Amino acid sequence: MYEKLVSYAAKQLDLDASEITPESTFESLGIDSLDVVEMIMDLESELGIELDLEDQRITTFGELAEFIDTKVN
């Protein structure tokens, strides 16, 4: 899932994939809350699952990948 997130961010948000690590925060990469919401909506559609982040404190790519993995599996 982590690789899928990096690929998405590189393509959709025009980021350099080599600069994204599991510890990269969305803020450090210039990804605002609207970008995160759009990314989540796209992933929900692609994966056919609902990702309710309302009660989650997710700030890094690694945390988001782990959260999605728990929903997929």
PDB file of N, CA and C in Angstrom:
ATOM      1  N   MET A   1       0.820  -1.189   0.000  1.00  0.00           N
ATOM      2  CA  MET A   1       0.000   0.000   0.000  1.00  0.00           C
ATOM      3  C   MET A   1       0.871   1.263   0.000  1.00  0.00           C
ATOM      4  N   TYR A   2       1.989   1.197   0.715  1.00  0.00           N
ATOM      5  CA  TYR A   2       2.879   2.354   0.776  1.00  0.00           C
ATOM      6  C   TYR A   2       3.318   2.777  -0.626  1.00  0.00           C
ATOM      7  N   GLU A   3       3.708   1.820  -1.452  1.00  0.00           N
ATOM      8  CA  GLU A   3       4.154   2.140  -2.806  1.00  0.00           C
ATOM      9  C   GLU A   3       3.040   2.785  -3.619  1.00  0.00           C
ATOM     10  N   LYS A   4       1.814   2.319  -3.417  1.00  0.00           N
ATOM     11  CA  LYS A   4       0.664   2.888  -4.117  1.00  0.00           C
ATOM     12  C   LYS A   4       0.465   4.351  -3.711  1.00  0.00           C
ATOM     13  N   LEU A   5       0.629   4.654  -2.425  1.00  0.00           N
ATOM     14  CA  LEU A   5       0.494   6.027  -1.949  1.00  0.00           C
ATOM     15  C   LEU A   5       1.577   6.928  -2.534  1.00  0.00           C
ATOM     16  N   VAL A   6       2.797   6.436  -2.566  1.00  0.00           N
ATOM     17  CA  VAL A   6       3.902   7.222  -3.120  1.00  0.00           C
ATOM     18  C   VAL A   6       3.666   7.480  -4.607  1.00  0.00           C
ATOM     19  N   SER A   7       3.239   6.462  -5.316  1.00  0.00           N
ATOM     20  CA  SER A   7       2.955   6.612  -6.738  1.00  0.00           C
ATOM     21  C   SER A   7       1.852   7.644  -6.963  1.00  0.00           C
ATOM     22  N   TYR A   8       0.806   7.564  -6.168  1.00  0.00           N
ATOM     23  CA  TYR A   8      -0.300   8.520  -6.279  1.00  0.00           C
ATOM     24  C   TYR A   8       0.201   9.942  -6.034  1.00  0.00           C
ATOM     25  N   ALA A   9       0.935  10.134  -4.942  1.00  0.00           N
ATOM     26  CA  ALA A   9       1.416  11.466  -4.589  1.00  0.00           C
ATOM     27  C   ALA A   9       2.336  12.031  -5.673  1.00  0.00           C
ATOM     28  N   ALA A  10       3.182  11.190  -6.216  1.00  0.00           N
ATOM     29  CA  ALA A  10       4.098  11.638  -7.264  1.00  0.00           C
ATOM     30  C   ALA A  10       3.325  12.080  -8.500  1.00  0.00           C
ATOM     31  N   LYS A  11       2.327  11.301  -8.865  1.00  0.00           N
ATOM     32  CA  LYS A  11       1.568  11.581 -10.086  1.00  0.00           C
ATOM     33  C   LYS A  11       0.550  12.707  -9.887  1.00  0.00           C
ATOM     34  N   GLN A  12      -0.301  12.577  -8.901  1.00  0.00           N
ATOM     35  CA  GLN A  12      -1.411  13.507  -8.713  1.00  0.00           C
ATOM     36  C   GLN A  12      -0.999  14.822  -8.056  1.00  0.00           C
ATOM     37  N   LEU A  13       0.000  14.781  -7.194  1.00  0.00           N
ATOM     38  CA  LEU A  13       0.377  15.978  -6.449  1.00  0.00           C
ATOM     39  C   LEU A  13       1.699  16.566  -6.924  1.00  0.00           C
ATOM     40  N   ASP A  14       2.222  15.996  -8.010  1.00  0.00           N
ATOM     41  CA  ASP A  14       3.446  16.496  -8.638  1.00  0.00           C
ATOM     42  C   ASP A  14       4.611  16.562  -7.652  1.00  0.00           C
ATOM     43  N   LEU A  15       4.828  15.442  -6.945  1.00  0.00           N
ATOM     44  CA  LEU A  15       5.937  15.338  -6.005  1.00  0.00           C
ATOM     45  C   LEU A  15       6.988  14.380  -6.546  1.00  0.00           C
ATOM     46  N   ASP A  16       8.207  14.538  -6.085  1.00  0.00           N
ATOM     47  CA  ASP A  16       9.297  13.644  -6.451  1.00  0.00           C
ATOM     48  C   ASP A  16       9.209  12.410  -5.553  1.00  0.00           C
ATOM     49  N   ALA A  17       8.932  11.257  -6.125  1.00  0.00           N
ATOM     50  CA  ALA A  17       8.742  10.024  -5.358  1.00  0.00           C
ATOM     51  C   ALA A  17       9.966   9.700  -4.505  1.00  0.00           C
ATOM     52  N   SER A  18      11.150  10.071  -4.959  1.00  0.00           N
ATOM     53  CA  SER A  18      12.357   9.758  -4.197  1.00  0.00           C
ATOM     54  C   SER A  18      12.459  10.562  -2.902  1.00  0.00           C
ATOM     55  N   GLU A  19      11.692  11.634  -2.791  1.00  0.00           N
ATOM     56  CA  GLU A  19      11.713  12.461  -1.585  1.00  0.00           C
ATOM     57  C   GLU A  19      10.707  11.992  -0.538  1.00  0.00           C
ATOM     58  N   ILE A  20       9.850  11.052  -0.908  1.00  0.00           N
ATOM     59  CA  ILE A  20       8.808  10.574   0.006  1.00  0.00           C
ATOM     60  C   ILE A  20       9.311   9.334   0.733  1.00  0.00           C
ATOM     61  N   THR A  21       9.264   9.380   2.048  1.00  0.00           N
ATOM     62  CA  THR A  21       9.633   8.242   2.884  1.00  0.00           C
ATOM     63  C   THR A  21       8.447   7.914   3.782  1.00  0.00           C
ATOM     64  N   PRO A  22       8.452   6.753   4.431  1.00  0.00           N
ATOM     65  CA  PRO A  22       7.350   6.442   5.357  1.00  0.00           C
ATOM     66  C   PRO A  22       7.218   7.483   6.468  1.00  0.00           C
ATOM     67  N   GLU A  23       8.311   8.145   6.821  1.00  0.00           N
ATOM     68  CA  GLU A  23       8.293   9.148   7.885  1.00  0.00           C
ATOM     69  C   GLU A  23       7.911  10.537   7.387  1.00  0.00           C
ATOM     70  N   SER A  24       7.795  10.712   6.069  1.00  0.00           N
ATOM     71  CA  SER A  24       7.444  12.020   5.510  1.00  0.00           C
ATOM     72  C   SER A  24       6.053  12.423   5.973  1.00  0.00           C
ATOM     73  N   THR A  25       5.976  13.631   6.539  1.00  0.00           N
ATOM     74  CA  THR A  25       4.655  14.138   6.910  1.00  0.00           C
ATOM     75  C   THR A  25       4.042  14.807   5.686  1.00  0.00           C
ATOM     76  N   PHE A  26       2.729  14.837   5.681  1.00  0.00           N
ATOM     77  CA  PHE A  26       2.044  15.514   4.581  1.00  0.00           C
ATOM     78  C   PHE A  26       2.447  16.985   4.555  1.00  0.00           C
ATOM     79  N   GLU A  27       2.521  17.577   5.736  1.00  0.00           N
ATOM     80  CA  GLU A  27       2.880  18.983   5.849  1.00  0.00           C
ATOM     81  C   GLU A  27       4.273  19.266   5.292  1.00  0.00           C
ATOM     82  N   SER A  28       5.231  18.395   5.593  1.00  0.00           N
ATOM     83  CA  SER A  28       6.610  18.618   5.132  1.00  0.00           C
ATOM     84  C   SER A  28       6.725  18.563   3.617  1.00  0.00           C
ATOM     85  N   LEU A  29       5.774  17.889   2.974  1.00  0.00           N
ATOM     86  CA  LEU A  29       5.790  17.775   1.510  1.00  0.00           C
ATOM     87  C   LEU A  29       4.865  18.789   0.844  1.00  0.00           C
ATOM     88  N   GLY A  30       4.257  19.652   1.660  1.00  0.00           N
ATOM     89  CA  GLY A  30       3.368  20.672   1.104  1.00  0.00           C
ATOM     90  C   GLY A  30       1.999  20.152   0.739  1.00  0.00           C
ATOM     91  N   ILE A  31       1.595  19.034   1.339  1.00  0.00           N
ATOM     92  CA  ILE A  31       0.285  18.445   1.062  1.00  0.00           C
ATOM     93  C   ILE A  31      -0.698  18.987   2.100  1.00  0.00           C
ATOM     94  N   ASP A  32      -1.698  19.722   1.637  1.00  0.00           N
ATOM     95  CA  ASP A  32      -2.656  20.294   2.575  1.00  0.00           C
ATOM     96  C   ASP A  32      -3.816  19.340   2.829  1.00  0.00           C
ATOM     97  N   SER A  33      -4.707  19.728   3.723  1.00  0.00           N
ATOM     98  CA  SER A  33      -5.801  18.837   4.128  1.00  0.00           C
ATOM     99  C   SER A  33      -6.725  18.499   2.963  1.00  0.00           C
ATOM    100  N   LEU A  34      -6.933  19.427   2.043  1.00  0.00           N
ATOM    101  CA  LEU A  34      -7.770  19.147   0.879  1.00  0.00           C
ATOM    102  C   LEU A  34      -7.133  18.072   0.002  1.00  0.00           C
ATOM    103  N   ASP A  35      -5.814  18.143  -0.174  1.00  0.00           N
ATOM    104  CA  ASP A  35      -5.105  17.116  -0.941  1.00  0.00           C
ATOM    105  C   ASP A  35      -5.263  15.745  -0.288  1.00  0.00           C
ATOM    106  N   VAL A  36      -5.175  15.707   1.043  1.00  0.00           N
ATOM    107  CA  VAL A  36      -5.319  14.442   1.767  1.00  0.00           C
ATOM    108  C   VAL A  36      -6.720  13.885   1.575  1.00  0.00           C
ATOM    109  N   VAL A  37      -7.735  14.735   1.682  1.00  0.00           N
ATOM    110  CA  VAL A  37      -9.124  14.293   1.495  1.00  0.00           C
ATOM    111  C   VAL A  37      -9.320  13.736   0.091  1.00  0.00           C
ATOM    112  N   GLU A  38      -8.802  14.425  -0.913  1.00  0.00           N
ATOM    113  CA  GLU A  38      -8.928  13.948  -2.293  1.00  0.00           C
ATOM    114  C   GLU A  38      -8.213  12.615  -2.480  1.00  0.00           C
ATOM    115  N   MET A  39      -7.038  12.479  -1.869  1.00  0.00           N
ATOM    116  CA  MET A  39      -6.294  11.226  -1.965  1.00  0.00           C
ATOM    117  C   MET A  39      -7.100  10.089  -1.337  1.00  0.00           C
ATOM    118  N   ILE A  40      -7.679  10.332  -0.166  1.00  0.00           N
ATOM    119  CA  ILE A  40      -8.473   9.310   0.518  1.00  0.00           C
ATOM    120  C   ILE A  40      -9.689   8.934  -0.314  1.00  0.00           C
ATOM    121  N   MET A  41     -10.371   9.923  -0.876  1.00  0.00           N
ATOM    122  CA  MET A  41     -11.549   9.632  -1.700  1.00  0.00           C
ATOM    123  C   MET A  41     -11.176   8.797  -2.922  1.00  0.00           C
ATOM    124  N   ASP A  42     -10.069   9.125  -3.566  1.00  0.00           N
ATOM    125  CA  ASP A  42      -9.612   8.355  -4.723  1.00  0.00           C
ATOM    126  C   ASP A  42      -9.273   6.918  -4.323  1.00  0.00           C
ATOM    127  N   LEU A  43      -8.612   6.756  -3.183  1.00  0.00           N
ATOM    128  CA  LEU A  43      -8.249   5.413  -2.718  1.00  0.00           C
ATOM    129  C   LEU A  43      -9.487   4.612  -2.335  1.00  0.00           C
ATOM    130  N   GLU A  44     -10.459   5.256  -1.703  1.00  0.00           N
ATOM    131  CA  GLU A  44     -11.702   4.567  -1.360  1.00  0.00           C
ATOM    132  C   GLU A  44     -12.380   4.033  -2.614  1.00  0.00           C
ATOM    133  N   SER A  45     -12.425   4.861  -3.634  1.00  0.00           N
ATOM    134  CA  SER A  45     -13.038   4.462  -4.896  1.00  0.00           C
ATOM    135  C   SER A  45     -12.270   3.318  -5.549  1.00  0.00           C
ATOM    136  N   GLU A  46     -10.966   3.434  -5.581  1.00  0.00           N
ATOM    137  CA  GLU A  46     -10.124   2.415  -6.214  1.00  0.00           C
ATOM    138  C   GLU A  46     -10.170   1.082  -5.467  1.00  0.00           C
ATOM    139  N   LEU A  47     -10.157   1.136  -4.132  1.00  0.00           N
ATOM    140  CA  LEU A  47     -10.101  -0.081  -3.322  1.00  0.00           C
ATOM    141  C   LEU A  47     -11.479  -0.632  -2.960  1.00  0.00           C
ATOM    142  N   GLY A  48     -12.519   0.165  -3.154  1.00  0.00           N
ATOM    143  CA  GLY A  48     -13.868  -0.284  -2.825  1.00  0.00           C
ATOM    144  C   GLY A  48     -14.112  -0.420  -1.329  1.00  0.00           C
ATOM    145  N   ILE A  49     -13.455   0.433  -0.540  1.00  0.00           N
ATOM    146  CA  ILE A  49     -13.628   0.403   0.912  1.00  0.00           C
ATOM    147  C   ILE A  49     -13.847   1.821   1.424  1.00  0.00           C
ATOM    148  N   GLU A  50     -14.321   1.933   2.662  1.00  0.00           N
ATOM    149  CA  GLU A  50     -14.481   3.238   3.287  1.00  0.00           C
ATOM    150  C   GLU A  50     -13.359   3.441   4.290  1.00  0.00           C
ATOM    151  N   LEU A  51     -12.699   4.564   4.178  1.00  0.00           N
ATOM    152  CA  LEU A  51     -11.588   4.892   5.072  1.00  0.00           C
ATOM    153  C   LEU A  51     -12.000   6.079   5.932  1.00  0.00           C
ATOM    154  N   ASP A  52     -12.520   5.800   7.113  1.00  0.00           N
ATOM    155  CA  ASP A  52     -12.970   6.848   8.017  1.00  0.00           C
ATOM    156  C   ASP A  52     -11.797   7.303   8.878  1.00  0.00           C
ATOM    157  N   LEU A  53     -11.236   8.455   8.534  1.00  0.00           N
ATOM    158  CA  LEU A  53     -10.073   8.965   9.250  1.00  0.00           C
ATOM    159  C   LEU A  53     -10.453   9.945  10.361  1.00  0.00           C
ATOM    160  N   GLU A  54     -11.747  10.122  10.583  1.00  0.00           N
ATOM    161  CA  GLU A  54     -12.217  11.144  11.514  1.00  0.00           C
ATOM    162  C   GLU A  54     -11.584  11.043  12.899  1.00  0.00           C
ATOM    163  N   ASP A  55     -11.462   9.852  13.433  1.00  0.00           N
ATOM    164  CA  ASP A  55     -10.910   9.670  14.777  1.00  0.00           C
ATOM    165  C   ASP A  55      -9.429   9.312  14.763  1.00  0.00           C
ATOM    166  N   GLN A  56      -8.817   9.375  13.612  1.00  0.00           N
ATOM    167  CA  GLN A  56      -7.413   8.977  13.471  1.00  0.00           C
ATOM    168  C   GLN A  56      -6.509  10.211  13.440  1.00  0.00           C
ATOM    169  N   ARG A  57      -5.341  10.062  13.986  1.00  0.00           N
ATOM    170  CA  ARG A  57      -4.316  11.111  13.928  1.00  0.00           C
ATOM    171  C   ARG A  57      -3.207  10.588  13.018  1.00  0.00           C
ATOM    172  N   ILE A  58      -3.383  10.785  11.734  1.00  0.00           N
ATOM    173  CA  ILE A  58      -2.435  10.277  10.738  1.00  0.00           C
ATOM    174  C   ILE A  58      -1.744  11.464  10.089  1.00  0.00           C
ATOM    175  N   THR A  59      -0.421  11.482  10.189  1.00  0.00           N
ATOM    176  CA  THR A  59       0.328  12.621   9.661  1.00  0.00           C
ATOM    177  C   THR A  59       1.420  12.233   8.677  1.00  0.00           C
ATOM    178  N   THR A  60       1.716  10.931   8.562  1.00  0.00           N
ATOM    179  CA  THR A  60       2.790  10.502   7.661  1.00  0.00           C
ATOM    180  C   THR A  60       2.279   9.488   6.644  1.00  0.00           C
ATOM    181  N   PHE A  61       3.073   9.307   5.584  1.00  0.00           N
ATOM    182  CA  PHE A  61       2.723   8.316   4.571  1.00  0.00           C
ATOM    183  C   PHE A  61       2.731   6.905   5.156  1.00  0.00           C
ATOM    184  N   GLY A  62       3.672   6.624   6.028  1.00  0.00           N
ATOM    185  CA  GLY A  62       3.749   5.303   6.651  1.00  0.00           C
ATOM    186  C   GLY A  62       2.522   5.011   7.501  1.00  0.00           C
ATOM    187  N   GLU A  63       2.078   5.990   8.289  1.00  0.00           N
ATOM    188  CA  GLU A  63       0.880   5.811   9.126  1.00  0.00           C
ATOM    189  C   GLU A  63      -0.357   5.582   8.266  1.00  0.00           C
ATOM    190  N   LEU A  64      -0.476   6.341   7.177  1.00  0.00           N
ATOM    191  CA  LEU A  64      -1.633   6.173   6.303  1.00  0.00           C
ATOM    192  C   LEU A  64      -1.617   4.798   5.646  1.00  0.00           C
ATOM    193  N   ALA A  65      -0.458   4.345   5.198  1.00  0.00           N
ATOM    194  CA  ALA A  65      -0.348   3.020   4.573  1.00  0.00           C
ATOM    195  C   ALA A  65      -0.733   1.927   5.564  1.00  0.00           C
ATOM    196  N   GLU A  66      -0.271   2.030   6.805  1.00  0.00           N
ATOM    197  CA  GLU A  66      -0.621   1.040   7.826  1.00  0.00           C
ATOM    198  C   GLU A  66      -2.115   1.042   8.111  1.00  0.00           C
ATOM    199  N   PHE A  67      -2.708   2.234   8.202  1.00  0.00           N
ATOM    200  CA  PHE A  67      -4.143   2.345   8.457  1.00  0.00           C
ATOM    201  C   PHE A  67      -4.946   1.686   7.329  1.00  0.00           C
ATOM    202  N   ILE A  68      -4.574   1.971   6.089  1.00  0.00           N
ATOM    203  CA  ILE A  68      -5.281   1.398   4.942  1.00  0.00           C
ATOM    204  C   ILE A  68      -5.115  -0.121   4.930  1.00  0.00           C
ATOM    205  N   ASP A  69      -3.909  -0.598   5.232  1.00  0.00           N
ATOM    206  CA  ASP A  69      -3.682  -2.045   5.282  1.00  0.00           C
ATOM    207  C   ASP A  69      -4.609  -2.734   6.277  1.00  0.00           C
ATOM    208  N   THR A  70      -4.887  -2.083   7.415  1.00  0.00           N
ATOM    209  CA  THR A  70      -5.795  -2.688   8.399  1.00  0.00           C
ATOM    210  C   THR A  70      -7.222  -2.750   7.876  1.00  0.00           C
ATOM    211  N   LYS A  71      -7.591  -1.834   7.020  1.00  0.00           N
ATOM    212  CA  LYS A  71      -8.949  -1.801   6.446  1.00  0.00           C
ATOM    213  C   LYS A  71      -9.100  -2.783   5.292  1.00  0.00           C
ATOM    214  N   VAL A  72      -8.027  -2.987   4.544  1.00  0.00           N
ATOM    215  CA  VAL A  72      -8.059  -3.872   3.380  1.00  0.00           C
ATOM    216  C   VAL A  72      -8.010  -5.335   3.819  1.00  0.00           C
ATOM    217  N   ASN A  73      -7.232  -5.626   4.835  1.00  0.00           N
ATOM    218  CA  ASN A  73      -7.036  -7.015   5.291  1.00  0.00           C
ATOM    219  C   ASN A  73      -7.970  -7.391   6.408  1.00  0.00           C
TER     220      ASN A  73
END
